[in-house]
C-alpha atoms as a PDB file:
ATOM      1  CA  MET A   1      13.272  12.398 -32.280  1.00  0.00           C
ATOM      2  CA  ARG A   2      15.929  12.115 -34.954  1.00  0.00           C
ATOM      3  CA  GLY A   3      16.479   8.893 -36.826  1.00  0.00           C
ATOM      4  CA  GLN A   4      15.825   7.178 -40.114  1.00  0.00           C
ATOM      5  CA  ARG A   5      12.320   6.783 -41.501  1.00  0.00           C
ATOM      6  CA  GLY A   6      11.048   3.367 -40.434  1.00  0.00           C
ATOM      7  CA  THR A   7       9.211   0.857 -42.579  1.00  0.00           C
ATOM      8  CA  GLY A   8       6.851  -1.969 -41.714  1.00  0.00           C
ATOM      9  CA  ALA A   9       9.626  -4.477 -42.368  1.00  0.00           C
ATOM     10  CA  ALA A  10      12.012  -2.519 -40.169  1.00  0.00           C
ATOM     11  CA  ALA A  11       9.480  -2.505 -37.359  1.00  0.00           C
ATOM     12  CA  LEU A  12       9.065  -6.272 -37.519  1.00  0.00           C
ATOM     13  CA  ILE A  13      12.828  -6.835 -37.636  1.00  0.00           C
ATOM     14  CA  GLY A  14      13.298  -4.453 -34.717  1.00  0.00           C
ATOM     15  CA  ILE A  15      10.729  -6.219 -32.593  1.00  0.00           C
ATOM     16  CA  ALA A  16      12.284  -9.593 -33.264  1.00  0.00           C
ATOM     17  CA  LEU A  17      15.802  -8.343 -32.521  1.00  0.00           C
ATOM     18  CA  ALA A  18      15.019  -6.181 -29.514  1.00  0.00           C
ATOM     19  CA  ALA A  19      12.791  -8.646 -27.679  1.00  0.00           C
ATOM     20  CA  GLY A  20      14.935  -9.897 -24.878  1.00  0.00           C
ATOM     21  CA  LEU A  21      18.357  -9.130 -26.394  1.00  0.00           C
ATOM     22  CA  GLY A  22      20.830  -6.916 -24.535  1.00  0.00           C
ATOM     23  CA  ILE A  23      19.858  -3.458 -25.749  1.00  0.00           C
ATOM     24  CA  ALA A  24      19.825  -1.883 -22.287  1.00  0.00           C
ATOM     25  CA  PRO A  25      20.829  -2.565 -18.695  1.00  0.00           C
ATOM     26  CA  ALA A  26      19.341  -5.709 -17.179  1.00  0.00           C
ATOM     27  CA  CYS A  27      17.221  -3.690 -14.728  1.00  0.00           C
ATOM     28  CA  ALA A  28      15.660  -1.661 -17.551  1.00  0.00           C
ATOM     29  CA  GLN A  29      12.111  -2.244 -18.693  1.00  0.00           C
ATOM     30  CA  ARG A  30      11.085  -2.213 -22.361  1.00  0.00           C
ATOM     31  CA  LEU A  31       7.822  -0.267 -22.622  1.00  0.00           C
ATOM     32  CA  ASP A  32       4.826  -1.571 -24.531  1.00  0.00           C
ATOM     33  CA  GLU A  33       2.292   0.664 -26.303  1.00  0.00           C
ATOM     34  CA  ALA A  34       0.050   1.051 -23.234  1.00  0.00           C
ATOM     35  CA  GLN A  35       3.026   2.093 -21.074  1.00  0.00           C
ATOM     36  CA  ILE A  36       4.310   4.547 -23.697  1.00  0.00           C
ATOM     37  CA  THR A  37       0.835   6.080 -23.859  1.00  0.00           C
ATOM     38  CA  SER A  38       0.358   6.373 -20.104  1.00  0.00           C
ATOM     39  CA  GLU A  39       3.865   7.606 -19.302  1.00  0.00           C
ATOM     40  CA  LEU A  40       4.765   9.847 -22.244  1.00  0.00           C
ATOM     41  CA  ILE A  41       1.722  10.941 -24.233  1.00  0.00           C
ATOM     42  CA  GLY A  42       0.310  14.323 -23.246  1.00  0.00           C
ATOM     43  CA  ARG A  43       3.643  15.329 -21.721  1.00  0.00           C
ATOM     44  CA  LYS A  44       6.626  17.491 -22.494  1.00  0.00           C
ATOM     45  CA  VAL A  45       9.981  15.751 -22.379  1.00  0.00           C
ATOM     46  CA  ALA A  46      13.553  17.015 -22.351  1.00  0.00           C
ATOM     47  CA  GLY A  47      16.213  14.953 -24.043  1.00  0.00           C
ATOM     48  CA  VAL A  48      19.825  14.519 -25.003  1.00  0.00           C
ATOM     49  CA  TYR A  49      21.474  12.696 -27.918  1.00  0.00           C
ATOM     50  CA  PRO A  50      24.664  10.632 -27.464  1.00  0.00           C
ATOM     51  CA  SER A  51      26.526  13.570 -29.058  1.00  0.00           C
ATOM     52  CA  GLY A  52      25.394  15.809 -26.201  1.00  0.00           C
ATOM     53  CA  GLY A  53      22.892  17.752 -28.319  1.00  0.00           C
ATOM     54  CA  ARG A  54      19.871  18.870 -26.282  1.00  0.00           C
ATOM     55  CA  TRP A  55      16.253  18.752 -27.419  1.00  0.00           C
ATOM     56  CA  SER A  56      12.717  18.878 -26.071  1.00  0.00           C
ATOM     57  CA  GLU A  57       9.424  17.671 -27.442  1.00  0.00           C
ATOM     58  CA  ASP A  58       5.724  17.753 -26.640  1.00  0.00           C
ATOM     59  CA  PHE A  59       3.929  14.449 -27.284  1.00  0.00           C
ATOM     60  CA  ASN A  60       0.356  15.678 -27.788  1.00  0.00           C
ATOM     61  CA  ALA A  61      -2.622  13.346 -27.331  1.00  0.00           C
ATOM     62  CA  ASP A  62      -3.848  14.156 -30.867  1.00  0.00           C
ATOM     63  CA  GLY A  63      -0.777  12.497 -32.442  1.00  0.00           C
ATOM     64  CA  THR A  64       1.151  15.714 -33.072  1.00  0.00           C
ATOM     65  CA  THR A  65       4.495  16.777 -31.623  1.00  0.00           C
ATOM     66  CA  GLY A  66       6.384  19.981 -31.129  1.00  0.00           C
ATOM     67  CA  TYR A  67      10.124  19.279 -31.480  1.00  0.00           C
ATOM     68  CA  ARG A  68      12.785  21.820 -30.450  1.00  0.00           C
ATOM     69  CA  GLU A  69      16.570  22.009 -30.435  1.00  0.00           C
ATOM     70  CA  PRO A  70      17.306  25.383 -28.796  1.00  0.00           C
ATOM     71  CA  GLY A  71      21.053  25.158 -29.449  1.00  0.00           C
ATOM     72  CA  ARG A  72      20.397  25.026 -33.185  1.00  0.00           C
ATOM     73  CA  GLY A  73      17.413  27.378 -33.178  1.00  0.00           C
ATOM     74  CA  LEU A  74      15.309  24.519 -34.544  1.00  0.00           C
ATOM     75  CA  SER A  75      11.594  24.179 -33.858  1.00  0.00           C
ATOM     76  CA  MET A  76       9.140  22.138 -35.914  1.00  0.00           C
ATOM     77  CA  PRO A  77       5.890  20.231 -35.731  1.00  0.00           C
ATOM     78  CA  GLY A  78       5.735  16.522 -36.317  1.00  0.00           C
ATOM     79  CA  ARG A  79       3.526  13.556 -35.683  1.00  0.00           C
ATOM     80  CA  TRP A  80       3.830  10.408 -33.585  1.00  0.00           C
ATOM     81  CA  TRP A  81       2.150   6.992 -33.637  1.00  0.00           C
ATOM     82  CA  LEU A  82       2.586   3.566 -32.086  1.00  0.00           C
ATOM     83  CA  ALA A  83       3.229   0.526 -34.288  1.00  0.00           C
ATOM     84  CA  SER A  84       3.841  -3.018 -33.042  1.00  0.00           C
ATOM     85  CA  GLY A  85       5.273  -1.806 -29.735  1.00  0.00           C
ATOM     86  CA  LEU A  86       7.438   0.921 -31.293  1.00  0.00           C
ATOM     87  CA  PHE A  87       7.216   4.710 -30.817  1.00  0.00           C
ATOM     88  CA  CYS A  88       7.304   6.256 -34.298  1.00  0.00           C
ATOM     89  CA  PHE A  89       7.853   9.842 -35.479  1.00  0.00           C
ATOM     90  CA  GLU A  90       7.697  11.796 -38.716  1.00  0.00           C
ATOM     91  CA  TYR A  91       8.731  15.385 -39.372  1.00  0.00           C
ATOM     92  CA  PRO A  92       8.203  17.577 -42.451  1.00  0.00           C
ATOM     93  CA  ARG A  93      11.759  18.899 -42.792  1.00  0.00           C
ATOM     94  CA  GLU A  94      15.358  18.135 -41.819  1.00  0.00           C
ATOM     95  CA  LEU A  95      14.475  15.372 -39.343  1.00  0.00           C
ATOM     96  CA  SER A  96      13.053  12.359 -41.059  1.00  0.00           C
ATOM     97  CA  GLY A  97      11.802  10.530 -37.965  1.00  0.00           C
ATOM     98  CA  GLY A  98      11.706   6.779 -37.511  1.00  0.00           C
ATOM     99  CA  CYS A  99      10.514   4.075 -35.136  1.00  0.00           C
ATOM    100  CA  PHE A 100      12.137   3.366 -31.793  1.00  0.00           C
ATOM    101  CA  VAL A 101      12.140   0.833 -28.977  1.00  0.00           C
ATOM    102  CA  VAL A 102      11.559   2.669 -25.663  1.00  0.00           C
ATOM    103  CA  VAL A 103      13.382   1.386 -22.591  1.00  0.00           C
ATOM    104  CA  LYS A 104      12.902   2.708 -19.049  1.00  0.00           C
ATOM    105  CA  PRO A 105      16.044   2.186 -16.932  1.00  0.00           C
ATOM    106  CA  SER A 106      14.694   4.205 -13.966  1.00  0.00           C
ATOM    107  CA  PRO A 107      11.450   5.961 -12.878  1.00  0.00           C
ATOM    108  CA  ASN A 108      11.939   9.135 -14.945  1.00  0.00           C
ATOM    109  CA  CYS A 109      14.502   8.144 -17.539  1.00  0.00           C
ATOM    110  CA  TYR A 110      13.636   6.811 -20.976  1.00  0.00           C
ATOM    111  CA  GLU A 111      16.073   5.618 -23.615  1.00  0.00           C
ATOM    112  CA  VAL A 112      15.119   5.169 -27.260  1.00  0.00           C
ATOM    113  CA  TYR A 113      16.884   2.738 -29.567  1.00  0.00           C
ATOM    114  CA  THR A 114      16.774   3.059 -33.358  1.00  0.00           C
ATOM    115  CA  VAL A 115      15.217   0.178 -35.235  1.00  0.00           C
ATOM    116  CA  ASP A 116      17.668  -0.890 -37.926  1.00  0.00           C
ATOM    117  CA  ARG A 117      16.370  -1.806 -41.357  1.00  0.00           C
ATOM    118  CA  ALA A 118      18.136  -5.196 -41.535  1.00  0.00           C
ATOM    119  CA  PRO A 119      21.108  -7.078 -40.078  1.00  0.00           C
ATOM    120  CA  ARG A 120      24.489  -6.414 -41.680  1.00  0.00           C
ATOM    121  CA  PRO A 121      25.602  -9.210 -44.018  1.00  0.00           C
ATOM    122  CA  GLY A 122      27.296 -12.011 -42.119  1.00  0.00           C
ATOM    123  CA  GLU A 123      26.686 -10.490 -38.683  1.00  0.00           C
ATOM    124  CA  PRO A 124      24.402 -12.267 -36.202  1.00  0.00           C
ATOM    125  CA  PRO A 125      21.652 -10.109 -34.646  1.00  0.00           C
ATOM    126  CA  SER A 126      22.944 -10.658 -31.102  1.00  0.00           C
ATOM    127  CA  GLY A 127      26.355  -9.245 -32.018  1.00  0.00           C
ATOM    128  CA  ARG A 128      24.830  -6.123 -33.508  1.00  0.00           C
ATOM    129  CA  GLU A 129      22.475  -5.562 -30.580  1.00  0.00           C
ATOM    130  CA  GLY A 130      25.271  -5.961 -28.057  1.00  0.00           C
ATOM    131  CA  ARG A 131      27.079  -2.920 -29.499  1.00  0.00           C
ATOM    132  CA  ARG A 132      23.990  -0.710 -29.828  1.00  0.00           C
ATOM    133  CA  SER A 133      23.719   2.385 -27.689  1.00  0.00           C
ATOM    134  CA  TRP A 134      20.709   4.583 -27.194  1.00  0.00           C
ATOM    135  CA  ASN A 135      19.746   7.057 -29.897  1.00  0.00           C
ATOM    136  CA  GLY A 136      18.272   9.477 -27.387  1.00  0.00           C
ATOM    137  CA  ARG A 137      17.639   9.723 -23.675  1.00  0.00           C
ATOM    138  CA  MET A 138      14.667  11.661 -22.337  1.00  0.00           C
ATOM    139  CA  LEU A 139      12.827  12.470 -19.156  1.00  0.00           C
ATOM    140  CA  ARG A 140       9.411  13.899 -18.392  1.00  0.00           C
ATOM    141  CA  SER A 141       9.754  17.628 -17.751  1.00  0.00           C
ATOM    142  CA  HIS A 142       8.639  19.023 -14.382  1.00  0.00           C
ATOM    143  CA  VAL A 143       9.212  15.649 -12.684  1.00  0.00           C
ATOM    144  CA  PRO A 144      12.400  14.899 -10.719  1.00  0.00           C
ATOM    145  CA  GLN A 145      14.854  13.276 -13.115  1.00  0.00           C
ATOM    146  CA  THR A 146      16.471   9.912 -12.520  1.00  0.00           C
ATOM    147  CA  CYS A 147      18.858   9.766 -15.507  1.00  0.00           C
ATOM    148  CA  ASP A 148      22.597  10.104 -15.017  1.00  0.00           C
ATOM    149  CA  GLU A 149      22.475  13.515 -16.696  1.00  0.00           C
ATOM    150  CA  GLN A 150      19.503  15.878 -16.735  1.00  0.00           C
ATOM    151  CA  PRO A 151      18.731  17.234 -20.208  1.00  0.00           C
ATOM    152  CA  SER A 152      17.661  20.878 -20.440  1.00  0.00           C
ATOM    153  CA  SER A 153      14.417  21.857 -22.135  1.00  0.00           C
END
C-alpha cells in the first residue's frame, strides 16, 4: 500500500480526525483491529489506486506482505502491523508505506484512507476530511467483488 511513512503522532491525529467524520459513505463501516485481522490477514487482495493503477498484495499472518504492481513490473516484500486501529505498512524500497484507516462500504470492498501528519494551518479538521478521497480500494481475491470496479490481481 503506497503512502507516507506514519508516525505515532500521525496515528493519534488520524484516529481523532477519522472517528465519526465524513471520510466515507454513511453506510460504510470503519474496521477495528479485530475486523481487519479476521477479514484481511492471511488473504490475497487486489486493489486499485485513484489514478487507476492496479496492485495486489498478500497480507501474511506472520506480519509480512508481498506487494505487486504488474503494470510497472514491481514486486517487493514488506511488513504490516496494526496500531491504534490503523493498518500500517512498511516497504524496503520505492514505497515508503504508512498507516491507514480501513473502511468497508460493502461486503467485499475495502477503502483505505491515508492518515495525514497534521491539519493544514487555519483549516478545521472537518473541512479537510470532507474533501478526502480513498488512497486505495481493495477486495479479497477469489471472493465475488462488491466494489464499483473490480481490480485485477
